[in-house]
């Protein structure tokens, strides 16, 4: 039987089970939080990003979720520097041109700080002279650091990035560093 779990990846955690880096001290990985043999991440989330990851023991499901050809929507909450005006949001919605080519059109809107948001450790760097705000972006691609590059391209660098949803699965009710069976969301089992 195929099993799928949701995991709320904390900041500064690698989205893999081992650290193959060459840095002096070992970095935190998924194995610091999840002890399930035979599970693999369905996609990646940068070390400096937080939020929803899906892991499964089924290679076909993993490929279906992760492969950009399937255009599975991913929702991000980005705390950005400055206050994007309607032109900046329209540019995100139309697609922006990055070094590796134009992005697909995205859904983009300003939002209030997400309800139930946990503190980030360490906190973001706040500049008293520059305001910040939250935007929600929904994309159907998965380029390297795409959301950060998109917000920077319209003049609003990302300060904090949280993936809130992948397709039908969301972060709802899942604290940072914890995981839950995705079917528990429907059946009440854990």
N, C-alpha and C. Protein backbone atom coordinates (compact mmCIF):
# COMPACT_ATOMS: atom_id res chain seq x y z
N UNK A 1 0.83 -1.19 0.00
CA UNK A 1 0.00 0.00 0.00
C UNK A 1 0.88 1.25 0.00
N UNK A 2 0.60 2.16 -0.92
CA UNK A 2 1.35 3.41 -1.02
C UNK A 2 1.07 4.28 0.19
N UNK A 3 2.12 4.92 0.67
CA UNK A 3 1.99 5.81 1.81
C UNK A 3 2.60 7.17 1.45
N UNK A 4 1.92 8.22 1.84
CA UNK A 4 2.37 9.59 1.59
C UNK A 4 2.30 10.35 2.91
N UNK A 5 3.37 11.08 3.22
CA UNK A 5 3.35 11.89 4.44
C UNK A 5 3.60 13.35 4.10
N UNK A 6 3.05 14.23 4.96
CA UNK A 6 3.31 15.67 4.90
C UNK A 6 4.32 15.98 5.99
N UNK A 7 5.28 16.84 5.68
CA UNK A 7 6.29 17.25 6.65
C UNK A 7 6.44 18.76 6.58
N UNK A 8 6.49 19.43 7.74
CA UNK A 8 6.72 20.86 7.79
C UNK A 8 8.20 21.07 8.06
N UNK A 9 8.97 21.31 6.98
CA UNK A 9 10.42 21.45 7.08
C UNK A 9 10.80 22.78 7.73
N UNK A 10 11.54 22.72 8.82
CA UNK A 10 12.02 23.97 9.43
C UNK A 10 13.10 24.64 8.58
N UNK A 11 13.35 25.90 8.87
CA UNK A 11 14.46 26.65 8.28
C UNK A 11 15.77 25.94 8.60
N UNK A 12 16.73 26.00 7.69
CA UNK A 12 18.08 25.48 7.87
C UNK A 12 18.15 23.95 7.96
N UNK A 13 17.22 23.28 7.29
CA UNK A 13 17.23 21.82 7.21
C UNK A 13 17.32 21.44 5.74
N UNK A 14 18.22 20.50 5.41
CA UNK A 14 18.34 20.02 4.04
C UNK A 14 17.15 19.13 3.69
N UNK A 15 16.70 19.18 2.46
CA UNK A 15 15.55 18.38 2.05
C UNK A 15 16.00 17.01 1.51
N UNK A 16 16.92 16.40 2.24
CA UNK A 16 17.42 15.07 1.92
C UNK A 16 17.75 14.38 3.25
N UNK A 17 17.99 13.06 3.18
CA UNK A 17 18.20 12.30 4.41
C UNK A 17 19.64 12.26 4.88
N UNK A 18 20.59 12.58 4.00
CA UNK A 18 21.99 12.60 4.39
C UNK A 18 22.61 13.92 3.97
N UNK A 19 23.70 14.29 4.64
CA UNK A 19 24.42 15.52 4.33
C UNK A 19 25.70 15.14 3.62
N UNK A 20 25.74 15.40 2.32
CA UNK A 20 26.94 15.07 1.55
C UNK A 20 27.81 16.31 1.35
N UNK A 21 27.51 17.36 2.08
CA UNK A 21 28.27 18.60 1.96
C UNK A 21 29.65 18.48 2.56
N UNK A 22 30.48 19.47 2.29
CA UNK A 22 31.86 19.45 2.76
C UNK A 22 32.07 20.42 3.91
N UNK A 23 31.00 20.97 4.44
CA UNK A 23 31.15 21.93 5.53
C UNK A 23 31.65 21.22 6.78
N UNK A 24 32.26 21.97 7.68
CA UNK A 24 32.84 21.40 8.89
C UNK A 24 31.86 20.67 9.80
N UNK A 25 30.78 21.32 10.18
CA UNK A 25 29.84 20.67 11.08
C UNK A 25 28.67 20.11 10.28
N UNK A 26 28.15 18.96 10.69
CA UNK A 26 27.03 18.38 9.94
C UNK A 26 25.80 19.28 10.00
N UNK A 27 25.08 19.30 8.90
CA UNK A 27 23.87 20.10 8.82
C UNK A 27 22.67 19.19 9.11
N UNK A 28 21.59 19.81 9.58
CA UNK A 28 20.39 19.02 9.86
C UNK A 28 19.77 18.56 8.56
N UNK A 29 19.23 17.34 8.58
CA UNK A 29 18.61 16.74 7.40
C UNK A 29 17.25 16.18 7.79
N UNK A 30 16.53 15.62 6.82
CA UNK A 30 15.24 15.00 7.08
C UNK A 30 15.35 13.87 8.11
N UNK A 31 16.51 13.20 8.16
CA UNK A 31 16.67 12.09 9.10
C UNK A 31 16.67 12.55 10.56
N UNK A 32 16.85 13.84 10.80
CA UNK A 32 16.75 14.37 12.17
C UNK A 32 15.30 14.43 12.63
N UNK A 33 14.35 14.26 11.69
CA UNK A 33 12.93 14.40 12.00
C UNK A 33 12.09 13.18 11.62
N UNK A 34 12.54 12.45 10.60
CA UNK A 34 11.74 11.36 10.03
C UNK A 34 12.56 10.08 10.03
N UNK A 35 12.06 9.04 10.68
CA UNK A 35 12.73 7.74 10.71
C UNK A 35 11.83 6.71 10.05
N UNK A 36 11.70 6.81 8.74
CA UNK A 36 10.86 5.90 7.97
C UNK A 36 11.68 5.35 6.80
N UNK A 37 12.15 4.11 6.89
CA UNK A 37 12.93 3.55 5.78
C UNK A 37 12.10 3.46 4.51
N UNK A 38 12.76 3.71 3.37
CA UNK A 38 12.09 3.57 2.08
C UNK A 38 11.28 4.77 1.63
N UNK A 39 11.35 5.87 2.37
CA UNK A 39 10.63 7.09 1.98
C UNK A 39 11.59 8.06 1.32
N UNK A 40 11.05 8.77 0.31
CA UNK A 40 11.86 9.72 -0.43
C UNK A 40 11.06 10.99 -0.66
N UNK A 41 11.75 12.15 -0.66
CA UNK A 41 11.05 13.41 -0.90
C UNK A 41 10.52 13.48 -2.32
N UNK A 42 9.30 13.98 -2.47
CA UNK A 42 8.71 14.25 -3.77
C UNK A 42 8.96 15.72 -4.06
N UNK A 43 10.17 16.04 -4.48
CA UNK A 43 10.57 17.42 -4.72
C UNK A 43 11.50 17.91 -3.62
N UNK A 44 12.00 19.10 -3.82
CA UNK A 44 12.96 19.68 -2.88
C UNK A 44 12.43 21.01 -2.35
N UNK A 45 13.05 21.44 -1.27
CA UNK A 45 12.78 22.75 -0.70
C UNK A 45 14.12 23.25 -0.19
N UNK A 46 14.51 24.43 -0.62
CA UNK A 46 15.83 24.96 -0.26
C UNK A 46 16.05 24.96 1.25
N UNK A 47 17.30 24.86 1.61
CA UNK A 47 17.70 24.85 3.03
C UNK A 47 17.17 26.08 3.77
N UNK A 48 17.16 27.23 3.10
CA UNK A 48 16.73 28.47 3.75
C UNK A 48 15.24 28.75 3.56
N UNK A 49 14.50 27.77 3.06
CA UNK A 49 13.05 27.88 2.95
C UNK A 49 12.40 26.93 3.94
N UNK A 50 11.14 27.21 4.25
CA UNK A 50 10.42 26.41 5.24
C UNK A 50 9.15 25.88 4.61
N UNK A 51 8.52 24.95 5.32
CA UNK A 51 7.18 24.57 4.93
C UNK A 51 7.02 23.17 4.40
N UNK A 52 5.95 23.01 3.63
CA UNK A 52 5.46 21.69 3.24
C UNK A 52 6.40 20.94 2.30
N UNK A 53 6.69 19.71 2.71
CA UNK A 53 7.32 18.72 1.85
C UNK A 53 6.44 17.49 1.88
N UNK A 54 6.39 16.78 0.76
CA UNK A 54 5.70 15.50 0.70
C UNK A 54 6.74 14.42 0.51
N UNK A 55 6.58 13.32 1.24
CA UNK A 55 7.48 12.18 1.10
C UNK A 55 6.63 10.94 0.90
N UNK A 56 7.14 10.01 0.09
CA UNK A 56 6.38 8.81 -0.20
C UNK A 56 7.30 7.60 -0.36
N UNK A 57 6.71 6.42 -0.29
CA UNK A 57 7.44 5.18 -0.52
C UNK A 57 7.13 4.62 -1.92
N UNK A 58 6.48 5.42 -2.76
CA UNK A 58 6.07 5.01 -4.10
C UNK A 58 6.78 5.89 -5.14
N UNK A 59 7.67 5.29 -5.92
CA UNK A 59 8.45 6.04 -6.91
C UNK A 59 7.61 6.73 -7.96
N UNK A 60 6.53 6.09 -8.41
CA UNK A 60 5.66 6.71 -9.42
C UNK A 60 4.96 7.94 -8.87
N UNK A 61 4.47 7.83 -7.65
CA UNK A 61 3.81 8.98 -7.02
C UNK A 61 4.82 10.10 -6.79
N UNK A 62 6.01 9.74 -6.36
CA UNK A 62 7.07 10.72 -6.15
C UNK A 62 7.34 11.49 -7.45
N UNK A 63 7.46 10.78 -8.56
CA UNK A 63 7.72 11.43 -9.84
C UNK A 63 6.55 12.30 -10.28
N UNK A 64 5.33 11.83 -10.08
CA UNK A 64 4.14 12.59 -10.48
C UNK A 64 4.05 13.91 -9.73
N UNK A 65 4.37 13.88 -8.44
CA UNK A 65 4.30 15.10 -7.62
C UNK A 65 5.43 16.07 -7.99
N UNK A 66 6.63 15.54 -8.18
CA UNK A 66 7.81 16.38 -8.35
C UNK A 66 8.02 16.88 -9.78
N UNK A 67 7.58 16.13 -10.77
CA UNK A 67 7.88 16.46 -12.16
C UNK A 67 7.08 17.68 -12.62
N UNK A 68 7.78 18.76 -13.05
CA UNK A 68 7.09 19.97 -13.49
C UNK A 68 6.17 19.75 -14.69
N UNK A 69 6.37 18.66 -15.44
CA UNK A 69 5.48 18.39 -16.59
C UNK A 69 4.04 18.17 -16.16
N UNK A 70 3.86 17.75 -14.90
CA UNK A 70 2.50 17.52 -14.40
C UNK A 70 1.85 18.81 -13.90
N UNK A 71 2.64 19.89 -13.84
CA UNK A 71 2.13 21.23 -13.50
C UNK A 71 1.32 21.26 -12.21
N UNK A 72 1.77 20.51 -11.19
CA UNK A 72 1.08 20.53 -9.91
C UNK A 72 1.33 21.88 -9.25
N UNK A 73 0.27 22.57 -8.89
CA UNK A 73 0.39 23.91 -8.31
C UNK A 73 1.05 23.85 -6.93
N UNK A 74 1.93 24.81 -6.69
CA UNK A 74 2.59 24.94 -5.39
C UNK A 74 2.35 26.37 -4.91
N UNK A 75 1.87 26.49 -3.67
CA UNK A 75 1.56 27.79 -3.09
C UNK A 75 2.63 28.17 -2.09
N UNK A 76 3.15 29.38 -2.23
CA UNK A 76 4.19 29.89 -1.34
C UNK A 76 3.72 31.18 -0.68
N UNK A 77 4.15 31.35 0.56
CA UNK A 77 3.99 32.63 1.25
C UNK A 77 5.38 33.24 1.32
N UNK A 78 5.55 34.41 0.75
CA UNK A 78 6.85 35.08 0.73
C UNK A 78 6.76 36.40 1.47
N UNK A 79 7.59 36.55 2.48
CA UNK A 79 7.73 37.84 3.13
C UNK A 79 8.79 38.59 2.34
N UNK A 80 8.39 39.71 1.75
CA UNK A 80 9.29 40.42 0.84
C UNK A 80 9.63 41.79 1.38
N UNK A 81 10.76 42.28 0.90
CA UNK A 81 11.21 43.63 1.25
C UNK A 81 10.42 44.62 0.41
N UNK A 82 9.90 45.64 1.07
CA UNK A 82 9.12 46.65 0.37
C UNK A 82 7.67 46.23 0.23
N UNK A 83 6.88 47.11 -0.37
CA UNK A 83 5.45 46.87 -0.59
C UNK A 83 5.22 46.82 -2.10
N UNK A 84 4.99 45.63 -2.67
CA UNK A 84 4.79 45.55 -4.13
C UNK A 84 3.56 46.35 -4.57
N UNK A 85 3.73 47.15 -5.62
CA UNK A 85 2.60 47.89 -6.17
C UNK A 85 1.88 47.01 -7.18
N UNK A 86 0.74 47.46 -7.70
CA UNK A 86 -0.02 46.64 -8.66
C UNK A 86 0.80 46.21 -9.88
N UNK A 87 1.74 47.05 -10.33
CA UNK A 87 2.57 46.68 -11.49
C UNK A 87 3.47 45.49 -11.18
N UNK A 88 4.06 45.47 -9.98
CA UNK A 88 4.94 44.36 -9.60
C UNK A 88 4.15 43.06 -9.50
N UNK A 89 2.96 43.12 -8.91
CA UNK A 89 2.12 41.92 -8.80
C UNK A 89 1.67 41.46 -10.18
N UNK A 90 1.34 42.41 -11.07
CA UNK A 90 0.93 42.06 -12.43
C UNK A 90 2.08 41.38 -13.17
N UNK A 91 3.30 41.85 -12.96
CA UNK A 91 4.47 41.23 -13.60
C UNK A 91 4.62 39.78 -13.14
N UNK A 92 4.43 39.53 -11.86
CA UNK A 92 4.50 38.16 -11.36
C UNK A 92 3.39 37.31 -11.99
N UNK A 93 2.21 37.88 -12.11
CA UNK A 93 1.08 37.14 -12.70
C UNK A 93 1.31 36.85 -14.19
N UNK A 94 1.96 37.77 -14.89
CA UNK A 94 2.21 37.59 -16.32
C UNK A 94 3.39 36.66 -16.59
N UNK A 95 4.28 36.50 -15.62
CA UNK A 95 5.52 35.76 -15.81
C UNK A 95 6.67 36.74 -15.99
N UNK A 96 7.76 36.47 -15.31
CA UNK A 96 8.93 37.35 -15.40
C UNK A 96 10.05 36.61 -16.12
N UNK A 97 10.94 37.37 -16.73
CA UNK A 97 12.07 36.75 -17.42
C UNK A 97 13.25 36.67 -16.46
N UNK A 98 13.72 35.44 -16.26
CA UNK A 98 14.89 35.17 -15.42
C UNK A 98 16.05 34.78 -16.34
N UNK A 99 17.23 34.57 -15.79
CA UNK A 99 18.38 34.19 -16.61
C UNK A 99 18.13 32.92 -17.41
N UNK A 100 17.33 32.00 -16.85
CA UNK A 100 17.07 30.74 -17.54
C UNK A 100 15.77 30.78 -18.33
N UNK A 101 15.28 31.98 -18.63
CA UNK A 101 14.10 32.14 -19.47
C UNK A 101 12.90 32.63 -18.72
N UNK A 102 11.80 32.86 -19.44
CA UNK A 102 10.59 33.38 -18.80
C UNK A 102 9.90 32.32 -17.94
N UNK A 103 9.29 32.77 -16.87
CA UNK A 103 8.51 31.87 -16.02
C UNK A 103 7.10 31.77 -16.57
N UNK A 104 6.42 30.71 -16.19
CA UNK A 104 5.01 30.61 -16.53
C UNK A 104 4.26 31.66 -15.72
N UNK A 105 3.09 32.08 -16.19
CA UNK A 105 2.28 32.99 -15.38
C UNK A 105 1.99 32.37 -14.01
N UNK A 106 1.90 33.21 -13.00
CA UNK A 106 1.66 32.77 -11.63
C UNK A 106 0.45 33.51 -11.07
N UNK A 107 -0.10 32.99 -10.01
CA UNK A 107 -1.08 33.75 -9.25
C UNK A 107 -0.29 34.52 -8.20
N UNK A 108 -0.57 35.78 -8.02
CA UNK A 108 0.17 36.59 -7.06
C UNK A 108 -0.76 37.61 -6.43
N UNK A 109 -0.69 37.70 -5.10
CA UNK A 109 -1.50 38.71 -4.39
C UNK A 109 -0.85 39.00 -3.05
N UNK A 110 -1.10 40.22 -2.56
CA UNK A 110 -0.66 40.57 -1.21
C UNK A 110 -1.59 39.90 -0.22
N UNK A 111 -1.03 39.45 0.92
CA UNK A 111 -1.82 38.83 1.98
C UNK A 111 -1.35 39.39 3.32
N UNK A 112 -2.18 39.22 4.33
CA UNK A 112 -1.76 39.52 5.70
C UNK A 112 -0.78 38.43 6.12
N UNK A 113 -0.03 38.68 7.20
CA UNK A 113 0.85 37.63 7.72
C UNK A 113 0.01 36.38 7.98
N UNK A 114 0.46 35.21 7.51
CA UNK A 114 -0.34 34.00 7.65
C UNK A 114 -0.71 33.72 9.11
N UNK A 115 -1.95 33.30 9.33
CA UNK A 115 -2.43 32.96 10.67
C UNK A 115 -1.66 31.77 11.20
N UNK A 116 -1.33 31.80 12.48
CA UNK A 116 -0.64 30.68 13.11
C UNK A 116 0.82 30.55 12.72
N UNK A 117 1.39 31.62 12.16
CA UNK A 117 2.77 31.58 11.71
C UNK A 117 3.72 31.42 12.90
N UNK A 118 4.62 30.50 12.82
CA UNK A 118 5.61 30.23 13.87
C UNK A 118 6.79 31.17 13.70
N UNK A 119 7.52 31.44 14.77
CA UNK A 119 8.71 32.28 14.65
C UNK A 119 9.83 31.52 13.93
N UNK A 120 10.61 32.22 13.16
CA UNK A 120 11.74 31.59 12.48
C UNK A 120 12.99 31.76 13.32
N UNK A 121 13.80 30.71 13.41
CA UNK A 121 15.06 30.77 14.14
C UNK A 121 16.19 30.48 13.16
N UNK A 122 17.07 31.46 12.93
CA UNK A 122 17.07 32.82 13.46
C UNK A 122 16.03 33.67 12.74
N UNK A 123 15.63 34.78 13.37
CA UNK A 123 14.64 35.66 12.74
C UNK A 123 15.23 36.33 11.50
N UNK A 124 14.35 36.81 10.63
CA UNK A 124 14.83 37.53 9.44
C UNK A 124 15.48 38.84 9.88
N UNK A 125 16.32 39.36 8.99
CA UNK A 125 16.94 40.66 9.23
C UNK A 125 15.94 41.74 8.87
N UNK A 126 15.57 42.56 9.83
CA UNK A 126 14.60 43.64 9.61
C UNK A 126 15.34 44.96 9.52
N UNK A 127 14.98 45.75 8.50
CA UNK A 127 15.55 47.09 8.37
C UNK A 127 14.46 48.08 8.71
N UNK A 128 14.70 48.91 9.69
CA UNK A 128 13.69 49.86 10.16
C UNK A 128 13.25 50.83 9.07
N UNK A 129 14.14 51.13 8.13
CA UNK A 129 13.83 52.12 7.10
C UNK A 129 13.12 51.50 5.88
N UNK A 130 13.01 50.17 5.83
CA UNK A 130 12.38 49.52 4.68
C UNK A 130 11.24 48.64 5.18
N UNK A 131 10.01 48.92 4.74
CA UNK A 131 8.88 48.09 5.17
C UNK A 131 8.94 46.72 4.49
N UNK A 132 8.16 45.80 5.00
CA UNK A 132 8.04 44.50 4.36
C UNK A 132 6.58 44.08 4.39
N UNK A 133 6.24 43.08 3.59
CA UNK A 133 4.88 42.56 3.57
C UNK A 133 4.92 41.12 3.08
N UNK A 134 3.77 40.47 3.11
CA UNK A 134 3.63 39.09 2.65
C UNK A 134 2.89 39.06 1.33
N UNK A 135 3.34 38.19 0.44
CA UNK A 135 2.60 37.92 -0.78
C UNK A 135 2.42 36.40 -0.88
N UNK A 136 1.36 36.02 -1.57
CA UNK A 136 1.13 34.60 -1.85
C UNK A 136 1.35 34.41 -3.34
N UNK A 137 2.18 33.43 -3.68
CA UNK A 137 2.47 33.09 -5.07
C UNK A 137 2.09 31.65 -5.31
N UNK A 138 1.39 31.38 -6.40
CA UNK A 138 1.06 30.02 -6.80
C UNK A 138 1.72 29.80 -8.15
N UNK A 139 2.64 28.82 -8.19
CA UNK A 139 3.37 28.52 -9.42
C UNK A 139 3.17 27.05 -9.79
N UNK A 140 3.45 26.74 -11.05
CA UNK A 140 3.32 25.35 -11.50
C UNK A 140 4.63 24.85 -12.08
N UNK A 141 5.73 25.51 -11.72
CA UNK A 141 7.07 25.09 -12.14
C UNK A 141 7.86 24.76 -10.88
N UNK A 142 9.08 24.34 -11.06
CA UNK A 142 9.91 24.05 -9.91
C UNK A 142 11.37 24.36 -10.17
N UNK A 143 11.64 25.52 -10.72
CA UNK A 143 13.03 25.89 -10.99
C UNK A 143 13.77 26.18 -9.69
N UNK A 144 15.08 26.08 -9.77
CA UNK A 144 15.92 26.33 -8.61
C UNK A 144 15.70 27.77 -8.10
N UNK A 145 15.31 27.87 -6.84
CA UNK A 145 15.13 29.16 -6.15
C UNK A 145 14.20 30.10 -6.93
N UNK A 146 13.21 29.54 -7.59
CA UNK A 146 12.36 30.30 -8.50
C UNK A 146 11.60 31.43 -7.84
N UNK A 147 10.94 31.18 -6.72
CA UNK A 147 10.15 32.24 -6.08
C UNK A 147 11.06 33.39 -5.66
N UNK A 148 12.19 33.09 -5.07
CA UNK A 148 13.13 34.14 -4.65
C UNK A 148 13.60 34.95 -5.85
N UNK A 149 13.89 34.28 -6.96
CA UNK A 149 14.35 34.99 -8.15
C UNK A 149 13.23 35.82 -8.76
N UNK A 150 12.00 35.31 -8.71
CA UNK A 150 10.87 36.07 -9.26
C UNK A 150 10.62 37.34 -8.46
N UNK A 151 10.60 37.25 -7.13
CA UNK A 151 10.33 38.45 -6.34
C UNK A 151 11.46 39.46 -6.48
N UNK A 152 12.70 38.97 -6.57
CA UNK A 152 13.83 39.88 -6.77
C UNK A 152 13.73 40.57 -8.14
N UNK A 153 13.26 39.85 -9.15
CA UNK A 153 13.15 40.41 -10.50
C UNK A 153 12.17 41.57 -10.56
N UNK A 154 11.19 41.60 -9.65
CA UNK A 154 10.23 42.72 -9.64
C UNK A 154 10.58 43.73 -8.54
N UNK A 155 11.80 43.63 -7.98
CA UNK A 155 12.29 44.64 -7.04
C UNK A 155 11.94 44.41 -5.58
N UNK A 156 11.55 43.17 -5.22
CA UNK A 156 11.16 42.89 -3.85
C UNK A 156 11.78 41.58 -3.36
N UNK A 157 13.05 41.65 -2.91
CA UNK A 157 13.73 40.44 -2.48
C UNK A 157 12.97 39.71 -1.36
N UNK A 158 13.01 38.40 -1.41
CA UNK A 158 12.34 37.57 -0.40
C UNK A 158 13.18 37.53 0.87
N UNK A 159 12.53 37.77 2.00
CA UNK A 159 13.18 37.70 3.31
C UNK A 159 12.92 36.35 3.98
N UNK A 160 11.72 35.82 3.76
CA UNK A 160 11.32 34.54 4.36
C UNK A 160 10.39 33.86 3.37
N UNK A 161 10.57 32.54 3.20
CA UNK A 161 9.77 31.82 2.22
C UNK A 161 9.23 30.53 2.83
N UNK A 162 7.92 30.37 2.73
CA UNK A 162 7.23 29.19 3.29
C UNK A 162 6.37 28.58 2.20
N UNK A 163 6.57 27.27 1.94
CA UNK A 163 5.67 26.58 1.00
C UNK A 163 4.47 26.10 1.81
N UNK A 164 3.29 26.55 1.42
CA UNK A 164 2.06 26.29 2.17
C UNK A 164 1.23 25.15 1.59
N UNK A 165 1.40 24.87 0.29
CA UNK A 165 0.53 23.87 -0.35
C UNK A 165 1.25 23.28 -1.56
N UNK A 166 1.01 21.98 -1.78
CA UNK A 166 1.42 21.29 -3.00
C UNK A 166 0.18 20.55 -3.48
N UNK A 167 -0.37 20.98 -4.62
CA UNK A 167 -1.59 20.33 -5.11
C UNK A 167 -2.69 20.40 -4.06
N UNK A 168 -3.23 19.25 -3.69
CA UNK A 168 -4.33 19.18 -2.71
C UNK A 168 -3.85 19.15 -1.27
N UNK A 169 -2.55 19.03 -1.04
CA UNK A 169 -2.03 18.89 0.32
C UNK A 169 -1.51 20.23 0.85
N UNK A 170 -1.80 20.52 2.12
CA UNK A 170 -1.39 21.80 2.70
C UNK A 170 -0.71 21.59 4.05
N UNK A 171 -0.17 22.69 4.55
CA UNK A 171 0.48 22.72 5.87
C UNK A 171 -0.51 22.71 7.03
N UNK A 172 -1.76 22.94 6.77
CA UNK A 172 -2.77 23.13 7.81
C UNK A 172 -2.58 22.18 8.99
N UNK A 173 -2.44 22.77 10.19
CA UNK A 173 -2.37 22.01 11.42
C UNK A 173 -1.08 21.25 11.65
N UNK A 174 -0.04 21.53 10.89
CA UNK A 174 1.21 20.79 11.00
C UNK A 174 2.32 21.70 11.51
N UNK A 175 2.74 21.53 12.78
CA UNK A 175 3.81 22.38 13.33
C UNK A 175 5.16 22.10 12.68
N UNK A 176 6.08 23.07 12.72
CA UNK A 176 7.41 22.87 12.14
C UNK A 176 8.11 21.67 12.78
N UNK A 177 8.80 20.89 11.93
CA UNK A 177 9.55 19.74 12.40
C UNK A 177 8.72 18.49 12.62
N UNK A 178 7.42 18.55 12.30
CA UNK A 178 6.56 17.38 12.51
C UNK A 178 6.02 16.88 11.19
N UNK A 179 5.67 15.60 11.18
CA UNK A 179 5.09 14.99 9.99
C UNK A 179 3.82 14.24 10.36
N UNK A 180 3.01 13.99 9.34
CA UNK A 180 1.75 13.28 9.53
C UNK A 180 1.42 12.56 8.23
N UNK A 181 0.82 11.38 8.34
CA UNK A 181 0.33 10.68 7.15
C UNK A 181 -0.66 11.57 6.44
N UNK A 182 -0.54 11.68 5.12
CA UNK A 182 -1.45 12.52 4.35
C UNK A 182 -2.88 11.99 4.43
N UNK A 183 -3.06 10.66 4.52
CA UNK A 183 -4.41 10.13 4.62
C UNK A 183 -5.02 10.39 5.99
N UNK A 184 -4.21 10.74 6.98
CA UNK A 184 -4.75 11.08 8.31
C UNK A 184 -5.58 12.35 8.22
N UNK A 185 -5.32 13.17 7.22
CA UNK A 185 -6.07 14.40 7.03
C UNK A 185 -7.53 14.10 6.72
N UNK A 186 -7.76 12.96 6.05
CA UNK A 186 -9.12 12.59 5.67
C UNK A 186 -9.78 11.65 6.66
N UNK A 187 -8.98 10.77 7.30
CA UNK A 187 -9.56 9.72 8.13
C UNK A 187 -9.42 9.97 9.62
N UNK A 188 -8.57 10.92 10.00
CA UNK A 188 -8.35 11.18 11.41
C UNK A 188 -7.27 10.30 12.01
N UNK A 189 -6.71 9.35 11.21
CA UNK A 189 -5.63 8.50 11.73
C UNK A 189 -4.30 9.26 11.66
N UNK A 190 -3.36 8.84 12.48
CA UNK A 190 -2.01 9.39 12.42
C UNK A 190 -1.02 8.30 12.14
